[in-house]
Protein backbone atom coordinates (compact mmCIF):
# COMPACT_ATOMS: atom_id res chain seq x y z
CA MET A 1 0.03 0.06 -0.04
CA LEU A 2 2.16 2.88 1.15
CA ARG A 3 2.88 4.87 3.14
CA ARG A 4 3.32 6.63 4.97
CA GLU A 5 5.02 8.70 7.72
CA SER A 6 4.06 8.19 6.86
CA ALA A 7 1.46 9.26 6.63
CA ALA A 8 2.53 10.40 8.68
CA ILE A 9 1.99 12.47 11.65
CA VAL A 10 3.40 11.62 15.05
CA CYS A 11 2.11 13.27 18.22
CA SER A 12 4.78 14.72 20.49
CA ASN A 13 4.47 13.22 24.02
CA ALA A 14 6.57 13.16 27.09
CA GLY A 15 9.40 14.95 25.43
CA MET A 16 9.83 12.26 22.86
CA ARG A 17 11.20 13.83 19.74
CA THR A 18 9.01 13.15 16.69
CA SER A 19 8.98 14.12 13.00
CA ILE A 20 6.33 15.89 11.01
CA HIS A 21 5.51 14.82 7.46
CA PRO A 22 6.21 17.63 5.08
CA LEU A 23 2.46 17.67 3.89
CA LEU A 24 1.56 19.03 7.35
CA LEU A 25 4.07 21.76 7.21
CA ALA A 26 2.37 23.35 4.20
CA VAL A 27 -0.60 25.57 4.48
CA LEU A 28 -3.23 23.55 6.35
CA VAL A 29 -6.29 25.08 4.79
CA ALA A 30 -8.53 23.55 1.92
CA GLY A 31 -7.75 24.71 -1.41
CA CYS A 32 -10.17 25.46 -4.26
CA GLY A 33 -7.95 24.04 -7.03
CA GLY A 34 -9.33 23.43 -10.58
CA SER A 35 -9.59 20.28 -12.49
CA SER A 36 -7.82 19.45 -15.69
CA GLY A 37 -10.86 18.56 -17.83
CA GLY A 38 -13.26 18.39 -14.96
CA PRO A 39 -14.10 15.59 -12.56
CA GLY A 40 -15.09 12.13 -13.65
CA HIS A 41 -11.96 11.19 -15.65
CA THR A 42 -11.75 7.29 -16.10
CA ALA A 43 -8.99 7.03 -18.67
CA LEU A 44 -5.29 7.15 -17.86
CA GLY A 45 -3.64 10.26 -18.61
CA ALA A 46 -5.36 12.82 -16.40
CA ILE A 47 -4.95 14.87 -13.21
CA ASP A 48 -7.72 16.21 -10.96
CA PHE A 49 -7.54 18.41 -8.00
CA ILE A 50 -9.86 17.84 -4.89
CA PRO A 51 -10.50 20.76 -2.40
CA ILE A 52 -9.55 18.57 0.67
CA ASP A 53 -6.28 19.65 2.07
CA THR A 54 -4.76 16.39 3.06
CA ALA A 55 -4.35 13.31 1.11
CA VAL A 56 -3.67 10.13 3.09
CA ASP A 57 -3.99 6.85 1.35
CA LEU A 58 -5.37 4.77 -1.57
CA THR A 59 -6.92 1.50 -1.76
CA PRO A 60 -4.52 -1.03 -3.43
CA ASP A 61 -6.23 -0.92 -6.77
CA GLY A 62 -6.35 2.89 -6.60
CA SER A 63 -10.19 3.03 -6.86
CA VAL A 64 -10.87 5.01 -3.62
CA ALA A 65 -8.78 7.75 -1.92
CA LEU A 66 -8.65 8.40 1.86
CA LEU A 67 -8.64 12.08 2.52
CA THR A 68 -8.91 14.34 5.69
CA ALA A 69 -9.51 18.01 6.35
CA LEU A 70 -6.90 18.95 9.08
CA GLY A 71 -8.36 22.42 9.09
CA SER A 72 -11.68 21.08 10.36
CA ALA A 73 -12.56 21.24 14.08
CA ASP A 74 -13.16 17.38 14.26
CA GLY A 75 -10.84 15.82 11.70
CA ASP A 76 -13.26 15.36 8.91
CA VAL A 77 -12.57 12.09 7.05
CA TYR A 78 -13.55 11.67 3.35
CA LEU A 79 -13.65 8.57 0.98
CA CYS A 80 -13.33 9.79 -2.64
CA ASP A 81 -13.96 7.44 -5.55
CA THR A 82 -11.09 8.06 -8.03
CA GLU A 83 -13.42 7.90 -11.11
CA THR A 84 -16.25 10.20 -9.87
CA LEU A 85 -13.76 12.37 -7.79
CA VAL A 86 -16.49 13.44 -5.49
CA PRO A 87 -15.45 13.35 -1.87
CA ASP A 88 -17.76 11.77 0.64
CA LEU A 89 -17.63 12.84 4.30
CA VAL A 90 -17.88 9.49 6.08
CA THR A 91 -16.78 10.20 9.70
CA THR A 92 -14.55 12.25 12.03
CA ALA A 93 -11.40 11.08 13.77
CA GLY A 94 -11.27 13.63 16.58
CA SER A 95 -9.23 16.91 17.21
CA PRO A 96 -6.87 17.26 14.27
CA LEU A 97 -4.20 18.40 16.76
CA ARG A 98 -4.07 14.89 18.15
CA ASP A 99 -6.15 12.55 15.95
CA PHE A 100 -5.92 11.57 12.36
CA VAL A 101 -6.46 8.75 9.85
CA THR A 102 -3.62 6.85 8.48
CA GLY A 103 -4.51 4.11 6.19
CA ILE A 104 -7.23 2.32 4.17
CA SER A 105 -7.61 -1.30 3.07
CA ALA A 106 -9.29 -2.73 -0.05
CA THR A 107 -12.30 -3.41 2.13
CA LEU A 108 -12.51 0.43 2.90
CA ARG A 109 -11.58 -0.21 6.54
CA VAL A 110 -9.71 2.91 7.80
CA SER A 111 -6.97 3.03 10.41
CA ALA A 112 -6.26 5.99 12.76
CA LEU A 113 -5.20 7.59 15.90
CA HIS A 114 -8.75 8.26 17.18
CA GLY A 115 -10.52 9.90 20.09
CA ASP A 116 -9.61 11.32 23.52
CA PRO A 117 -7.70 9.77 25.07
CA VAL A 118 -6.01 8.79 21.78
CA GLN A 119 -6.00 5.22 20.80
CA ALA A 120 -5.66 3.01 17.84
CA GLY A 121 -8.99 2.89 16.03
CA LEU A 122 -10.42 1.24 12.98
CA TRP A 123 -13.35 2.52 11.15
CA SER A 124 -15.73 0.90 8.62
CA GLU A 125 -19.09 1.88 7.32
CA ALA A 126 -20.59 -1.20 8.78
CA SER A 127 -19.25 -1.01 12.32
CA ASP A 128 -18.15 2.62 12.79
CA TRP A 129 -15.32 2.94 15.16
CA LEU A 130 -13.58 0.08 16.91
CA ASP A 131 -11.05 1.32 19.46
CA LEU A 132 -8.32 -1.42 20.07
CA GLY A 133 -7.07 -0.29 23.45
CA SER A 134 -3.65 -1.33 24.32
CA THR A 135 -1.46 -4.40 25.49
CA THR A 136 -0.06 -2.30 28.35
CA PRO A 137 -1.68 -1.06 31.81
CA VAL A 138 -0.53 2.48 31.44
CA GLY A 139 -0.41 4.93 28.69
CA CYS A 140 1.43 8.14 28.35
CA ASP A 141 -0.66 11.20 29.46
CA GLN A 142 -3.56 11.41 27.03
CA ASP A 143 -2.16 8.70 24.71
CA ILE A 144 -2.80 5.00 24.71
CA SER A 145 -2.10 3.74 21.29
CA GLY A 146 -2.32 4.56 17.53
CA ALA A 147 -3.05 2.40 14.44
CA TRP A 148 -0.80 3.28 11.52
CA ASP A 149 -1.72 0.98 8.57
CA LEU A 150 -3.79 -1.96 7.47
CA SER A 151 -3.29 -5.12 5.36
CA ALA A 152 -5.23 -5.08 2.10
CA ASP A 153 -8.10 -7.23 3.43
CA GLY A 154 -8.24 -5.04 6.52
CA SER A 155 -7.87 -7.88 9.00
CA VAL A 156 -4.45 -6.98 10.32
CA ALA A 157 -3.51 -3.45 11.65
CA VAL A 158 -0.10 -2.23 13.00
CA GLY A 159 1.01 0.69 14.99
CA MET A 160 2.30 1.42 18.47
CA VAL A 161 1.03 1.21 22.00
CA TRP A 162 2.36 3.48 24.85
CA ASN A 163 3.99 1.54 27.74
CA GLY A 164 4.21 4.47 29.98
CA CYS A 165 5.87 6.87 27.73
CA ALA A 166 7.87 4.47 25.79
CA ALA A 167 6.37 3.31 22.45
CA GLU A 168 5.99 -0.38 21.47
CA ALA A 169 5.18 -1.71 18.17
CA PHE A 170 2.07 -3.75 17.72
CA ARG A 171 0.30 -6.29 15.29
CA TRP A 172 -3.41 -6.68 15.67
CA SER A 173 -5.66 -9.19 13.84
CA ASP A 174 -9.20 -10.08 13.72
CA SER A 175 -8.92 -12.53 10.75
CA THR A 176 -10.32 -15.33 13.14
CA GLY A 177 -13.22 -13.04 14.06
CA VAL A 178 -11.74 -12.08 17.25
CA GLY A 179 -9.27 -9.23 17.76
CA VAL A 180 -5.80 -10.46 19.12
CA PHE A 181 -2.62 -8.66 19.66
CA THR A 182 0.69 -10.34 18.71
CA PRO A 183 3.68 -9.27 20.88
CA MET A 184 6.22 -7.54 18.83
CA GLU A 185 9.95 -7.77 19.53
CA VAL A 186 11.39 -4.64 21.24
CA LEU A 187 14.28 -3.56 18.94
CA GLY A 188 17.05 -1.18 19.45
CA ALA A 189 18.60 0.12 22.66
CA SER A 190 17.72 2.92 25.20
CA PHE A 191 19.37 6.13 25.42
CA PRO A 192 22.28 6.07 28.03
CA GLY A 193 21.01 6.69 31.45
CA SER A 194 17.37 6.31 30.64
CA LYS A 195 15.24 4.00 32.47
CA LEU A 196 12.72 3.59 29.66
CA PRO A 197 12.97 0.79 27.11
CA PRO A 198 13.71 1.83 23.44
CA SER A 199 10.62 3.12 21.70
CA ASN A 200 9.45 1.33 18.40
CA ARG A 201 6.65 1.84 15.94
CA ALA A 202 5.36 -0.28 13.10
CA THR A 203 4.28 2.37 10.46
CA VAL A 204 3.30 0.23 7.50
CA ILE A 205 2.44 -3.38 6.73
CA SER A 206 2.58 -5.28 3.32
CA ASP A 207 -0.85 -5.85 1.68
CA ASP A 208 -0.67 -9.63 2.44
CA GLY A 209 -0.14 -8.79 6.11
CA ALA A 210 3.24 -10.70 6.38
CA VAL A 211 5.79 -7.86 6.99
CA ALA A 212 5.55 -4.60 8.99
CA ALA A 213 8.07 -1.79 8.97
CA GLY A 214 8.85 1.35 10.71
CA TRP A 215 11.47 2.46 13.23
CA ALA A 216 13.21 1.63 16.53
CA GLN A 217 15.23 3.87 18.85
CA THR A 218 18.98 3.18 19.18
CA ASP A 219 21.24 4.41 21.93
CA ILE A 220 22.25 7.17 19.58
CA VAL A 221 19.23 8.11 17.50
CA ASP A 222 15.53 8.27 18.11
CA ARG A 223 14.64 6.29 14.91
CA TRP A 224 16.43 3.54 12.99
CA PRO A 225 14.76 1.58 10.15
CA ALA A 226 13.15 -1.62 11.51
CA LEU A 227 11.28 -4.66 10.22
CA TRP A 228 8.88 -7.11 11.87
CA PHE A 229 7.42 -10.31 10.75
CA LYS A 230 3.95 -11.87 11.48
CA THR A 231 5.51 -14.04 14.24
CA GLY A 232 6.34 -10.79 16.05
CA GLU A 233 10.24 -11.26 15.50
CA GLY A 234 11.94 -8.20 14.07
CA THR A 235 15.27 -6.77 12.88
CA LEU A 236 17.00 -3.49 12.30
CA LEU A 237 18.34 -2.55 8.90
CA ASP A 238 22.19 -2.56 8.53
CA ALA A 239 23.29 0.67 7.15
CA GLY A 240 26.48 -1.05 5.79
CA GLY A 241 28.56 2.05 6.00
CA MET A 242 26.18 3.99 3.83
CA PHE A 243 24.76 6.09 6.58
CA PRO A 244 26.40 6.98 9.93
CA ALA A 245 25.36 5.54 13.15
CA ASP A 246 24.11 8.99 14.43
CA ALA A 247 21.95 9.54 11.38
CA PRO A 248 18.05 8.99 12.03
CA GLY A 249 16.15 6.90 9.67
CA GLU A 250 12.81 5.23 9.23
CA ILE A 251 10.86 2.99 6.88
CA LEU A 252 7.88 4.94 5.28
CA SER A 253 6.56 2.56 2.53
CA ILE A 254 6.38 -1.12 1.76
CA SER A 255 5.74 -3.20 -1.45
CA ALA A 256 2.57 -5.37 -1.61
CA ASP A 257 4.45 -8.48 -0.79
CA GLY A 258 6.87 -6.85 1.80
CA ALA A 259 10.02 -7.72 -0.29
CA VAL A 260 10.94 -4.05 -0.80
CA VAL A 261 10.76 -1.14 1.65
CA ALA A 262 11.75 2.40 1.28
CA GLY A 263 12.23 5.47 3.57
CA ILE A 264 14.36 8.28 4.75
CA TRP A 265 17.90 7.97 6.30
CA ASN A 266 20.14 10.89 6.97
CA GLN A 267 17.59 13.02 5.10
CA ASP A 268 18.24 10.88 1.82
CA GLY A 269 15.71 8.73 0.32
CA PHE A 270 16.48 4.87 0.39
CA TYR A 271 15.21 1.57 -0.54
CA TRP A 272 16.08 -1.97 0.59
CA SER A 273 15.32 -5.44 -0.26
CA GLU A 274 17.07 -8.74 0.56
CA ALA A 275 18.18 -9.05 -3.11
CA SER A 276 19.59 -5.52 -3.62
CA GLY A 277 20.54 -4.69 0.03
CA LEU A 278 20.44 -0.83 0.85
CA VAL A 279 20.35 1.50 -2.07
CA ASP A 280 20.56 5.31 -1.44
CA ILE A 281 18.11 7.05 -4.01
CA GLY A 282 19.28 10.50 -2.72
CA ARG A 283 16.91 13.44 -3.49
CA LEU A 284 15.74 15.51 -6.43
CA PRO A 285 18.36 17.54 -8.22
CA THR A 286 16.45 20.72 -7.36
CA SER A 287 16.67 19.98 -3.70
CA LEU A 288 19.45 21.66 -1.59
CA PRO A 289 21.95 19.49 0.21
CA GLY A 290 20.40 18.40 3.55
CA GLU A 291 16.97 18.94 2.49
CA PRO A 292 14.71 15.76 3.40
CA CYS A 293 13.29 13.24 0.95
CA HIS A 294 10.27 11.12 1.83
CA PRO A 295 9.64 8.04 -0.24
CA ASN A 296 6.05 7.42 0.76
CA ALA A 297 4.73 4.75 -1.79
CA ILE A 298 6.03 1.76 -3.69
CA SER A 299 4.40 0.21 -6.74
CA LEU A 300 5.21 -2.69 -9.20
CA GLY A 301 7.26 -4.46 -6.56
CA GLY A 302 9.69 -1.60 -6.20
CA GLN A 303 9.98 -0.60 -9.82
CA LEU A 304 8.38 2.70 -9.05
CA ILE A 305 8.99 4.80 -5.84
CA PHE A 306 6.89 7.96 -5.23
CA GLY A 307 7.27 10.61 -2.54
CA GLY A 308 8.24 14.25 -1.84
CA SER A 309 11.66 15.94 -1.80
CA GLY A 310 12.48 19.26 -0.22
CA ASP A 311 12.34 21.40 2.87
CA PRO A 312 8.84 23.03 3.47
CA PHE A 313 10.24 25.31 6.06
CA PHE A 314 12.40 27.18 3.43
CA GLY A 315 10.54 26.38 0.17
CA ILE A 316 8.00 24.22 -1.42
CA PRO A 317 8.76 20.40 -1.69
CA ALA A 318 8.33 18.71 -5.01
CA ALA A 319 6.58 15.31 -5.80
CA PHE A 320 8.89 12.71 -7.23
CA VAL A 321 9.02 9.34 -8.96
CA TRP A 322 12.01 7.11 -8.88
CA THR A 323 12.96 4.26 -11.23
CA GLU A 324 16.37 2.37 -11.19
CA ALA A 325 16.93 3.38 -14.93
CA ASP A 326 16.18 7.18 -14.50
CA GLY A 327 16.59 7.84 -10.85
CA MET A 328 14.65 10.53 -9.04
CA ARG A 329 12.59 12.80 -11.39
CA SER A 330 10.04 15.56 -10.89
CA LEU A 331 6.46 14.01 -11.11
CA GLN A 332 5.12 17.48 -12.38
CA GLU A 333 7.60 17.46 -15.29
CA ILE A 334 6.63 13.89 -16.25
CA ALA A 335 3.03 14.73 -16.07
CA ALA A 336 3.48 17.80 -18.22
CA ALA A 337 5.73 15.84 -20.79
CA SER A 338 2.78 13.30 -21.00
CA GLY A 339 0.46 16.19 -22.25
CA ILE A 340 -1.30 16.75 -18.79
CA HIS A 341 -2.22 20.22 -18.21
CA ILE A 342 -1.40 21.42 -14.61
CA PRO A 343 -2.94 25.05 -13.83
CA ASP A 344 -0.48 27.78 -13.81
CA GLY A 345 1.00 28.40 -10.31
CA THR A 346 0.07 24.94 -9.07
CA LEU A 347 2.90 22.69 -7.83
CA LEU A 348 2.71 19.11 -7.03
CA THR A 349 4.37 18.93 -3.59
CA ASN A 350 4.07 15.34 -2.45
CA VAL A 351 2.97 11.77 -3.16
CA LEU A 352 1.28 9.89 -0.26
CA ALA A 353 0.06 6.74 -2.02
CA ALA A 354 0.07 4.86 -5.32
CA SER A 355 -1.91 1.91 -6.56
CA VAL A 356 -0.13 -1.47 -6.62
CA ASP A 357 0.30 -1.34 -10.39
CA GLY A 358 1.44 2.42 -10.28
CA SER A 359 -1.23 3.71 -12.69
CA ILE A 360 -2.99 5.91 -10.08
CA VAL A 361 -1.16 8.24 -7.62
CA LEU A 362 -2.54 10.37 -4.72
CA GLY A 363 -0.73 13.38 -3.49
CA THR A 364 -0.84 17.03 -2.35
CA ALA A 365 -0.35 20.13 -4.21
CA VAL A 366 -0.34 23.99 -3.61
CA ASP A 367 -2.16 26.43 -5.80
CA GLU A 368 -0.91 29.81 -6.78
CA SER A 369 -2.27 31.18 -3.42
CA LEU A 370 -0.36 28.49 -1.51
CA GLN A 371 -3.73 26.83 -0.69
CA GLN A 372 -3.10 23.07 -0.14
CA GLN A 373 -5.31 20.54 -1.97
CA SER A 374 -5.21 16.84 -3.07
CA PHE A 375 -4.62 15.46 -6.37
CA VAL A 376 -5.24 12.21 -8.31
CA LEU A 377 -2.89 11.57 -11.26
CA LYS A 378 -3.59 8.76 -13.73
CA LEU A 379 -0.86 7.83 -15.93
CA PRO A 380 0.25 4.52 -17.81
CA VAL A 381 3.48 3.22 -16.26
CA SER A 382 5.06 3.62 -19.74
CA ALA A 383 4.94 7.38 -18.83
CA TYR A 384 7.74 6.67 -16.27
CA GLY A 385 9.86 4.63 -18.73
CA LEU A 386 8.70 1.20 -17.80
């Protein structure tokens, strides 16, 4: 599926340092962007803009987009058919200062940080909100847990629970009809002198539910790329000398079968598979040294990687696509080269999700007034050189 620092927002609790995804650092108001040719495109080779400020995720086939309005008082949540492009307000997640949706399954089940106190929540039209609670007796202030992603069939959720003010990765499944937590191996190491165990979070899960990925704290940095398997066993990625030990990193996206993961490390984008090992994909040539790169979505088993590159504090990030043959390129330039008209002054800033086959991409953009909106781009994968 994606994702997503992913999708990625994390609450700051008990002094724990967290990262904020670039899409949240842009203007958090709904845009009124135009549509290239109007809504209702069904053919590939089109882009449409939706006046909802935050794109979150796509179903694996790309048919439904999950969107949220962070400027709303209650965290309005929308499902949007990518053919009709009419957003449907289906629920609210809670205060957008603390609550937000994170992922969607093929069955339209939605994962979230939900309610007050904040806990892992799953929403569906049939059953409304199901709050999962926690595996630990004590949370951290107002925080209990958070669900960050779902398997394609919606039966497996991953995320983190608060054990006091240390985060633990979790896997939860109701595939047998009863919701059950699987203990996840605690990875990494505590900071010197700390009495807390190292914090871990599972941010994404493969469509088949077999592999989860995210980050674990080490004794030097608050985040290091980590993998967990359905047995609960986990492992840290080996930097192999490519990135220094004091460089933070995390996995933001995963392929449908869990064989390829991608993320940010030392501000560069990377991907990893058992076959290829660790590969540094850098950042867009237009980005300045040290600016972050967030690879948020993987398609075609790792042949396509999408995301955003650039620092939103000092500029406007740019949406990108990466292929092995051509490296990292501007998604806006590829769309324009494919004959797609993007309104003057509108910039594609990030990709948050992509269909498994790579033909449908969901992201965020800003218009000439710097109002943020969501976009759905449909292109044949041949446009990317595949």
